[in-house]
Amino acid sequence: STVGVKIGNVFGLKFKAKAEMAGGIILILMGFKIL
């Protein structure tokens, strides 16, 4: 989060959607692994 503020200040919205997408994929993969 701390680094995210800096990234947002420098680069804007470029990474927002990619970060959310990556987080979602990671959690789904962990769910499959547990199952």
ModelCIF file with pLDDT and N, C-alpha, C, O atoms, coordinates in Angstrom:
data_MODEL
#
_entry.id   MODEL 
#
_entity.id                         1 
_entity.type                       polymer 
_entity.pdbx_number_of_molecules   1 
#
_entity_poly.entity_id                      1 
_entity_poly.type                           'polypeptide(L)' 
_entity_poly.nstd_linkage                   no 
_entity_poly.nstd_monomer                   no 
_entity_poly.pdbx_seq_one_letter_code       STVGVKIGNVFGLKFKAKAEMAGGIILILMGFKIL 
_entity_poly.pdbx_seq_one_letter_code_can   STVGVKIGNVFGLKFKAKAEMAGGIILILMGFKIL 
_entity_poly.pdbx_strand_id                 A 
#
loop_
_entity_poly_seq.entity_id 
_entity_poly_seq.num 
_entity_poly_seq.mon_id 
_entity_poly_seq.hetero 
1 1  SER n 
1 2  THR n 
1 3  VAL n 
1 4  GLY n 
1 5  VAL n 
1 6  LYS n 
1 7  ILE n 
1 8  GLY n 
1 9  ASN n 
1 10 VAL n 
1 11 PHE n 
1 12 GLY n 
1 13 LEU n 
1 14 LYS n 
1 15 PHE n 
1 16 LYS n 
1 17 ALA n 
1 18 LYS n 
1 19 ALA n 
1 20 GLU n 
1 21 MET n 
1 22 ALA n 
1 23 GLY n 
1 24 GLY n 
1 25 ILE n 
1 26 ILE n 
1 27 LEU n 
1 28 ILE n 
1 29 LEU n 
1 30 MET n 
1 31 GLY n 
1 32 PHE n 
1 33 LYS n 
1 34 ILE n 
1 35 LEU n 
#
_struct_asym.id          A 
_struct_asym.entity_id   1 
#
loop_
_ma_qa_metric.id 
_ma_qa_metric.mode 
_ma_qa_metric.name 
_ma_qa_metric.software_group_id 
_ma_qa_metric.type 
1 global pLDDT . pLDDT 
2 local  pLDDT . pLDDT 
#
_ma_qa_metric_global.metric_id      1 
_ma_qa_metric_global.metric_value   79.23 
_ma_qa_metric_global.model_id       1 
_ma_qa_metric_global.ordinal_id     1 
#
loop_
_ma_qa_metric_local.label_asym_id 
_ma_qa_metric_local.label_comp_id 
_ma_qa_metric_local.label_seq_id 
_ma_qa_metric_local.metric_id 
_ma_qa_metric_local.metric_value 
_ma_qa_metric_local.model_id 
_ma_qa_metric_local.ordinal_id 
A SER 1  2 95.00 1 1  
A THR 2  2 96.00 1 2  
A VAL 3  2 95.00 1 3  
A GLY 4  2 91.00 1 4  
A VAL 5  2 92.00 1 5  
A LYS 6  2 92.00 1 6  
A ILE 7  2 89.00 1 7  
A GLY 8  2 85.00 1 8  
A ASN 9  2 84.00 1 9  
A VAL 10 2 85.00 1 10 
A PHE 11 2 77.00 1 11 
A GLY 12 2 62.00 1 12 
A LEU 13 2 59.00 1 13 
A LYS 14 2 64.00 1 14 
A PHE 15 2 67.00 1 15 
A LYS 16 2 67.00 1 16 
A ALA 17 2 72.00 1 17 
A LYS 18 2 77.00 1 18 
A ALA 19 2 73.00 1 19 
A GLU 20 2 71.00 1 20 
A MET 21 2 79.00 1 21 
A ALA 22 2 78.00 1 22 
A GLY 23 2 71.00 1 23 
A GLY 24 2 75.00 1 24 
A ILE 25 2 84.00 1 25 
A ILE 26 2 80.00 1 26 
A LEU 27 2 74.00 1 27 
A ILE 28 2 84.00 1 28 
A LEU 29 2 83.00 1 29 
A MET 30 2 74.00 1 30 
A GLY 31 2 77.00 1 31 
A PHE 32 2 86.00 1 32 
A LYS 33 2 80.00 1 33 
A ILE 34 2 74.00 1 34 
A LEU 35 2 81.00 1 35 
#
loop_
_atom_site.group_PDB 
_atom_site.id 
_atom_site.type_symbol 
_atom_site.label_atom_id 
_atom_site.label_alt_id 
_atom_site.label_comp_id 
_atom_site.label_asym_id 
_atom_site.label_entity_id 
_atom_site.label_seq_id 
_atom_site.pdbx_PDB_ins_code 
_atom_site.Cartn_x 
_atom_site.Cartn_y 
_atom_site.Cartn_z 
_atom_site.occupancy 
_atom_site.B_iso_or_equiv 
_atom_site.pdbx_formal_charge 
_atom_site.auth_seq_id 
_atom_site.auth_comp_id 
_atom_site.auth_asym_id 
_atom_site.auth_atom_id 
_atom_site.pdbx_PDB_model_num 
ATOM 1   N N  . SER A 1 1  ? 0.827  -1.211  0.000   1.00 95.00 ? 1  SER A N  1 
ATOM 2   C CA . SER A 1 1  ? 0.000  0.000   0.000   1.00 95.00 ? 1  SER A CA 1 
ATOM 3   C C  . SER A 1 1  ? 0.858  1.257   0.000   1.00 95.00 ? 1  SER A C  1 
ATOM 4   O O  . SER A 1 1  ? 0.570  2.219   -0.713  1.00 95.00 ? 1  SER A O  1 
ATOM 5   N N  . THR A 1 2  ? 1.914  1.241   0.806   1.00 96.00 ? 2  THR A N  1 
ATOM 6   C CA . THR A 1 2  ? 2.801  2.399   0.855   1.00 96.00 ? 2  THR A CA 1 
ATOM 7   C C  . THR A 1 2  ? 3.453  2.631   -0.507  1.00 96.00 ? 2  THR A C  1 
ATOM 8   O O  . THR A 1 2  ? 3.495  3.759   -0.997  1.00 96.00 ? 2  THR A O  1 
ATOM 9   N N  . VAL A 1 3  ? 3.955  1.569   -1.105  1.00 95.00 ? 3  VAL A N  1 
ATOM 10  C CA . VAL A 1 3  ? 4.570  1.671   -2.426  1.00 95.00 ? 3  VAL A CA 1 
ATOM 11  C C  . VAL A 1 3  ? 3.513  2.011   -3.481  1.00 95.00 ? 3  VAL A C  1 
ATOM 12  O O  . VAL A 1 3  ? 3.798  2.727   -4.441  1.00 95.00 ? 3  VAL A O  1 
ATOM 13  N N  . GLY A 1 4  ? 2.294  1.495   -3.302  1.00 91.00 ? 4  GLY A N  1 
ATOM 14  C CA . GLY A 1 4  ? 1.216  1.768   -4.246  1.00 91.00 ? 4  GLY A CA 1 
ATOM 15  C C  . GLY A 1 4  ? 0.890  3.247   -4.366  1.00 91.00 ? 4  GLY A C  1 
ATOM 16  O O  . GLY A 1 4  ? 0.590  3.736   -5.455  1.00 91.00 ? 4  GLY A O  1 
ATOM 17  N N  . VAL A 1 5  ? 0.949  3.958   -3.243  1.00 92.00 ? 5  VAL A N  1 
ATOM 18  C CA . VAL A 1 5  ? 0.711  5.401   -3.284  1.00 92.00 ? 5  VAL A CA 1 
ATOM 19  C C  . VAL A 1 5  ? 1.761  6.078   -4.172  1.00 92.00 ? 5  VAL A C  1 
ATOM 20  O O  . VAL A 1 5  ? 1.430  6.935   -4.991  1.00 92.00 ? 5  VAL A O  1 
ATOM 21  N N  . LYS A 1 6  ? 3.008  5.693   -4.004  1.00 92.00 ? 6  LYS A N  1 
ATOM 22  C CA . LYS A 1 6  ? 4.083  6.268   -4.829  1.00 92.00 ? 6  LYS A CA 1 
ATOM 23  C C  . LYS A 1 6  ? 3.885  5.918   -6.306  1.00 92.00 ? 6  LYS A C  1 
ATOM 24  O O  . LYS A 1 6  ? 4.012  6.779   -7.177  1.00 92.00 ? 6  LYS A O  1 
ATOM 25  N N  . ILE A 1 7  ? 3.575  4.659   -6.576  1.00 89.00 ? 7  ILE A N  1 
ATOM 26  C CA . ILE A 1 7  ? 3.350  4.226   -7.962  1.00 89.00 ? 7  ILE A CA 1 
ATOM 27  C C  . ILE A 1 7  ? 2.198  5.002   -8.584  1.00 89.00 ? 7  ILE A C  1 
ATOM 28  O O  . ILE A 1 7  ? 2.288  5.451   -9.727  1.00 89.00 ? 7  ILE A O  1 
ATOM 29  N N  . GLY A 1 8  ? 1.114  5.158   -7.826  1.00 85.00 ? 8  GLY A N  1 
ATOM 30  C CA . GLY A 1 8  ? -0.036 5.911   -8.328  1.00 85.00 ? 8  GLY A CA 1 
ATOM 31  C C  . GLY A 1 8  ? 0.312  7.349   -8.604  1.00 85.00 ? 8  GLY A C  1 
ATOM 32  O O  . GLY A 1 8  ? -0.149 7.927   -9.588  1.00 85.00 ? 8  GLY A O  1 
ATOM 33  N N  . ASN A 1 9  ? 1.126  7.938   -7.739  1.00 84.00 ? 9  ASN A N  1 
ATOM 34  C CA . ASN A 1 9  ? 1.526  9.325   -7.926  1.00 84.00 ? 9  ASN A CA 1 
ATOM 35  C C  . ASN A 1 9  ? 2.392  9.490   -9.167  1.00 84.00 ? 9  ASN A C  1 
ATOM 36  O O  . ASN A 1 9  ? 2.338  10.525  -9.831  1.00 84.00 ? 9  ASN A O  1 
ATOM 37  N N  . VAL A 1 10 ? 3.185  8.482   -9.480  1.00 85.00 ? 10 VAL A N  1 
ATOM 38  C CA . VAL A 1 10 ? 4.093  8.563   -10.624 1.00 85.00 ? 10 VAL A CA 1 
ATOM 39  C C  . VAL A 1 10 ? 3.427  8.081   -11.921 1.00 85.00 ? 10 VAL A C  1 
ATOM 40  O O  . VAL A 1 10 ? 3.512  8.751   -12.950 1.00 85.00 ? 10 VAL A O  1 
ATOM 41  N N  . PHE A 1 11 ? 2.765  6.920   -11.866 1.00 77.00 ? 11 PHE A N  1 
ATOM 42  C CA . PHE A 1 11 ? 2.278  6.276   -13.089 1.00 77.00 ? 11 PHE A CA 1 
ATOM 43  C C  . PHE A 1 11 ? 0.770  6.344   -13.310 1.00 77.00 ? 11 PHE A C  1 
ATOM 44  O O  . PHE A 1 11 ? 0.305  6.087   -14.420 1.00 77.00 ? 11 PHE A O  1 
ATOM 45  N N  . GLY A 1 12 ? 0.005  6.679   -12.293 1.00 62.00 ? 12 GLY A N  1 
ATOM 46  C CA . GLY A 1 12 ? -1.441 6.758   -12.465 1.00 62.00 ? 12 GLY A CA 1 
ATOM 47  C C  . GLY A 1 12 ? -2.122 5.401   -12.452 1.00 62.00 ? 12 GLY A C  1 
ATOM 48  O O  . GLY A 1 12 ? -1.686 4.482   -11.759 1.00 62.00 ? 12 GLY A O  1 
ATOM 49  N N  . LEU A 1 13 ? -3.189 5.283   -13.220 1.00 59.00 ? 13 LEU A N  1 
ATOM 50  C CA . LEU A 1 13 ? -4.058 4.105   -13.183 1.00 59.00 ? 13 LEU A CA 1 
ATOM 51  C C  . LEU A 1 13 ? -3.539 2.908   -13.975 1.00 59.00 ? 13 LEU A C  1 
ATOM 52  O O  . LEU A 1 13 ? -4.213 1.880   -14.035 1.00 59.00 ? 13 LEU A O  1 
ATOM 53  N N  . LYS A 1 14 ? -2.387 3.013   -14.568 1.00 64.00 ? 14 LYS A N  1 
ATOM 54  C CA . LYS A 1 14 ? -1.874 1.967   -15.450 1.00 64.00 ? 14 LYS A CA 1 
ATOM 55  C C  . LYS A 1 14 ? -1.840 0.582   -14.783 1.00 64.00 ? 14 LYS A C  1 
ATOM 56  O O  . LYS A 1 14 ? -2.128 -0.419  -15.438 1.00 64.00 ? 14 LYS A O  1 
ATOM 57  N N  . PHE A 1 15 ? -1.491 0.513   -13.489 1.00 67.00 ? 15 PHE A N  1 
ATOM 58  C CA . PHE A 1 15 ? -1.305 -0.767  -12.824 1.00 67.00 ? 15 PHE A CA 1 
ATOM 59  C C  . PHE A 1 15 ? -2.494 -1.218  -11.977 1.00 67.00 ? 15 PHE A C  1 
ATOM 60  O O  . PHE A 1 15 ? -2.496 -2.349  -11.491 1.00 67.00 ? 15 PHE A O  1 
ATOM 61  N N  . LYS A 1 16 ? -3.508 -0.363  -11.786 1.00 67.00 ? 16 LYS A N  1 
ATOM 62  C CA . LYS A 1 16 ? -4.618 -0.675  -10.892 1.00 67.00 ? 16 LYS A CA 1 
ATOM 63  C C  . LYS A 1 16 ? -5.345 -1.951  -11.304 1.00 67.00 ? 16 LYS A C  1 
ATOM 64  O O  . LYS A 1 16 ? -5.477 -2.872  -10.497 1.00 67.00 ? 16 LYS A O  1 
ATOM 65  N N  . ALA A 1 17 ? -5.809 -2.016  -12.525 1.00 72.00 ? 17 ALA A N  1 
ATOM 66  C CA . ALA A 1 17 ? -6.570 -3.187  -12.986 1.00 72.00 ? 17 ALA A CA 1 
ATOM 67  C C  . ALA A 1 17 ? -5.706 -4.437  -13.005 1.00 72.00 ? 17 ALA A C  1 
ATOM 68  O O  . ALA A 1 17 ? -6.181 -5.523  -12.672 1.00 72.00 ? 17 ALA A O  1 
ATOM 69  N N  . LYS A 1 18 ? -4.449 -4.298  -13.390 1.00 77.00 ? 18 LYS A N  1 
ATOM 70  C CA . LYS A 1 18 ? -3.553 -5.458  -13.420 1.00 77.00 ? 18 LYS A CA 1 
ATOM 71  C C  . LYS A 1 18 ? -3.312 -6.011  -12.023 1.00 77.00 ? 18 LYS A C  1 
ATOM 72  O O  . LYS A 1 18 ? -3.215 -7.226  -11.845 1.00 77.00 ? 18 LYS A O  1 
ATOM 73  N N  . ALA A 1 19 ? -3.216 -5.134  -11.034 1.00 73.00 ? 19 ALA A N  1 
ATOM 74  C CA . ALA A 1 19 ? -3.014 -5.579  -9.652  1.00 73.00 ? 19 ALA A CA 1 
ATOM 75  C C  . ALA A 1 19 ? -4.238 -6.344  -9.151  1.00 73.00 ? 19 ALA A C  1 
ATOM 76  O O  . ALA A 1 19 ? -4.097 -7.401  -8.535  1.00 73.00 ? 19 ALA A O  1 
ATOM 77  N N  . GLU A 1 20 ? -5.431 -5.821  -9.409  1.00 71.00 ? 20 GLU A N  1 
ATOM 78  C CA . GLU A 1 20 ? -6.648 -6.510  -8.987  1.00 71.00 ? 20 GLU A CA 1 
ATOM 79  C C  . GLU A 1 20 ? -6.795 -7.852  -9.703  1.00 71.00 ? 20 GLU A C  1 
ATOM 80  O O  . GLU A 1 20 ? -7.181 -8.845  -9.086  1.00 71.00 ? 20 GLU A O  1 
ATOM 81  N N  . MET A 1 21 ? -6.492 -7.887  -10.982 1.00 79.00 ? 21 MET A N  1 
ATOM 82  C CA . MET A 1 21 ? -6.577 -9.130  -11.754 1.00 79.00 ? 21 MET A CA 1 
ATOM 83  C C  . MET A 1 21 ? -5.606 -10.173 -11.186 1.00 79.00 ? 21 MET A C  1 
ATOM 84  O O  . MET A 1 21 ? -5.983 -11.326 -10.976 1.00 79.00 ? 21 MET A O  1 
ATOM 85  N N  . ALA A 1 22 ? -4.380 -9.772  -10.943 1.00 78.00 ? 22 ALA A N  1 
ATOM 86  C CA . ALA A 1 22 ? -3.371 -10.700 -10.404 1.00 78.00 ? 22 ALA A CA 1 
ATOM 87  C C  . ALA A 1 22 ? -3.801 -11.225 -9.040  1.00 78.00 ? 22 ALA A C  1 
ATOM 88  O O  . ALA A 1 22 ? -3.674 -12.419 -8.768  1.00 78.00 ? 22 ALA A O  1 
ATOM 89  N N  . GLY A 1 23 ? -4.306 -10.350 -8.185  1.00 71.00 ? 23 GLY A N  1 
ATOM 90  C CA . GLY A 1 23 ? -4.765 -10.780 -6.863  1.00 71.00 ? 23 GLY A CA 1 
ATOM 91  C C  . GLY A 1 23 ? -5.891 -11.794 -6.951  1.00 71.00 ? 23 GLY A C  1 
ATOM 92  O O  . GLY A 1 23 ? -5.895 -12.785 -6.221  1.00 71.00 ? 23 GLY A O  1 
ATOM 93  N N  . GLY A 1 24 ? -6.838 -11.557 -7.832  1.00 75.00 ? 24 GLY A N  1 
ATOM 94  C CA . GLY A 1 24 ? -7.953 -12.493 -8.011  1.00 75.00 ? 24 GLY A CA 1 
ATOM 95  C C  . GLY A 1 24 ? -7.492 -13.852 -8.503  1.00 75.00 ? 24 GLY A C  1 
ATOM 96  O O  . GLY A 1 24 ? -7.937 -14.883 -7.999  1.00 75.00 ? 24 GLY A O  1 
ATOM 97  N N  . ILE A 1 25 ? -6.612 -13.857 -9.474  1.00 84.00 ? 25 ILE A N  1 
ATOM 98  C CA . ILE A 1 25 ? -6.096 -15.125 -10.016 1.00 84.00 ? 25 ILE A CA 1 
ATOM 99  C C  . ILE A 1 25 ? -5.330 -15.890 -8.942  1.00 84.00 ? 25 ILE A C  1 
ATOM 100 O O  . ILE A 1 25 ? -5.474 -17.107 -8.823  1.00 84.00 ? 25 ILE A O  1 
ATOM 101 N N  . ILE A 1 26 ? -4.519 -15.184 -8.162  1.00 80.00 ? 26 ILE A N  1 
ATOM 102 C CA . ILE A 1 26 ? -3.748 -15.837 -7.095  1.00 80.00 ? 26 ILE A CA 1 
ATOM 103 C C  . ILE A 1 26 ? -4.679 -16.511 -6.093  1.00 80.00 ? 26 ILE A C  1 
ATOM 104 O O  . ILE A 1 26 ? -4.447 -17.659 -5.714  1.00 80.00 ? 26 ILE A O  1 
ATOM 105 N N  . LEU A 1 27 ? -5.733 -15.812 -5.656  1.00 74.00 ? 27 LEU A N  1 
ATOM 106 C CA . LEU A 1 27 ? -6.644 -16.400 -4.666  1.00 74.00 ? 27 LEU A CA 1 
ATOM 107 C C  . LEU A 1 27 ? -7.396 -17.605 -5.235  1.00 74.00 ? 27 LEU A C  1 
ATOM 108 O O  . LEU A 1 27 ? -7.595 -18.591 -4.525  1.00 74.00 ? 27 LEU A O  1 
ATOM 109 N N  . ILE A 1 28 ? -7.809 -17.544 -6.480  1.00 84.00 ? 28 ILE A N  1 
ATOM 110 C CA . ILE A 1 28 ? -8.492 -18.690 -7.105  1.00 84.00 ? 28 ILE A CA 1 
ATOM 111 C C  . ILE A 1 28 ? -7.550 -19.885 -7.188  1.00 84.00 ? 28 ILE A C  1 
ATOM 112 O O  . ILE A 1 28 ? -7.948 -21.007 -6.876  1.00 84.00 ? 28 ILE A O  1 
ATOM 113 N N  . LEU A 1 29 ? -6.312 -19.658 -7.601  1.00 83.00 ? 29 LEU A N  1 
ATOM 114 C CA . LEU A 1 29 ? -5.339 -20.758 -7.676  1.00 83.00 ? 29 LEU A CA 1 
ATOM 115 C C  . LEU A 1 29 ? -5.072 -21.369 -6.304  1.00 83.00 ? 29 LEU A C  1 
ATOM 116 O O  . LEU A 1 29 ? -4.932 -22.587 -6.188  1.00 83.00 ? 29 LEU A O  1 
ATOM 117 N N  . MET A 1 30 ? -5.000 -20.537 -5.265  1.00 74.00 ? 30 MET A N  1 
ATOM 118 C CA . MET A 1 30 ? -4.813 -21.079 -3.914  1.00 74.00 ? 30 MET A CA 1 
ATOM 119 C C  . MET A 1 30 ? -6.029 -21.903 -3.493  1.00 74.00 ? 30 MET A C  1 
ATOM 120 O O  . MET A 1 30 ? -5.880 -22.922 -2.818  1.00 74.00 ? 30 MET A O  1 
ATOM 121 N N  . GLY A 1 31 ? -7.219 -21.476 -3.881  1.00 77.00 ? 31 GLY A N  1 
ATOM 122 C CA . GLY A 1 31 ? -8.428 -22.252 -3.588  1.00 77.00 ? 31 GLY A CA 1 
ATOM 123 C C  . GLY A 1 31 ? -8.374 -23.622 -4.232  1.00 77.00 ? 31 GLY A C  1 
ATOM 124 O O  . GLY A 1 31 ? -8.691 -24.624 -3.590  1.00 77.00 ? 31 GLY A O  1 
ATOM 125 N N  . PHE A 1 32 ? -7.975 -23.678 -5.494  1.00 86.00 ? 32 PHE A N  1 
ATOM 126 C CA . PHE A 1 32 ? -7.844 -24.969 -6.179  1.00 86.00 ? 32 PHE A CA 1 
ATOM 127 C C  . PHE A 1 32 ? -6.770 -25.832 -5.530  1.00 86.00 ? 32 PHE A C  1 
ATOM 128 O O  . PHE A 1 32 ? -6.952 -27.041 -5.389  1.00 86.00 ? 32 PHE A O  1 
ATOM 129 N N  . LYS A 1 33 ? -5.661 -25.231 -5.136  1.00 80.00 ? 33 LYS A N  1 
ATOM 130 C CA . LYS A 1 33 ? -4.591 -25.979 -4.487  1.00 80.00 ? 33 LYS A CA 1 
ATOM 131 C C  . LYS A 1 33 ? -5.085 -26.631 -3.194  1.00 80.00 ? 33 LYS A C  1 
ATOM 132 O O  . LYS A 1 33 ? -4.826 -27.808 -2.945  1.00 80.00 ? 33 LYS A O  1 
ATOM 133 N N  . ILE A 1 34 ? -5.797 -25.857 -2.375  1.00 74.00 ? 34 ILE A N  1 
ATOM 134 C CA . ILE A 1 34 ? -6.333 -26.399 -1.118  1.00 74.00 ? 34 ILE A CA 1 
ATOM 135 C C  . ILE A 1 34 ? -7.291 -27.540 -1.398  1.00 74.00 ? 34 ILE A C  1 
ATOM 136 O O  . ILE A 1 34 ? -7.216 -28.586 -0.754  1.00 74.00 ? 34 ILE A O  1 
ATOM 137 N N  . LEU A 1 35 ? -8.193 -27.350 -2.352  1.00 81.00 ? 35 LEU A N  1 
ATOM 138 C CA . LEU A 1 35 ? -9.153 -28.390 -2.689  1.00 81.00 ? 35 LEU A CA 1 
ATOM 139 C C  . LEU A 1 35 ? -8.446 -29.647 -3.196  1.00 81.00 ? 35 LEU A C  1 
ATOM 140 O O  . LEU A 1 35 ? -9.102 -30.633 -3.530  1.00 81.00 ? 35 LEU A O  1 
#
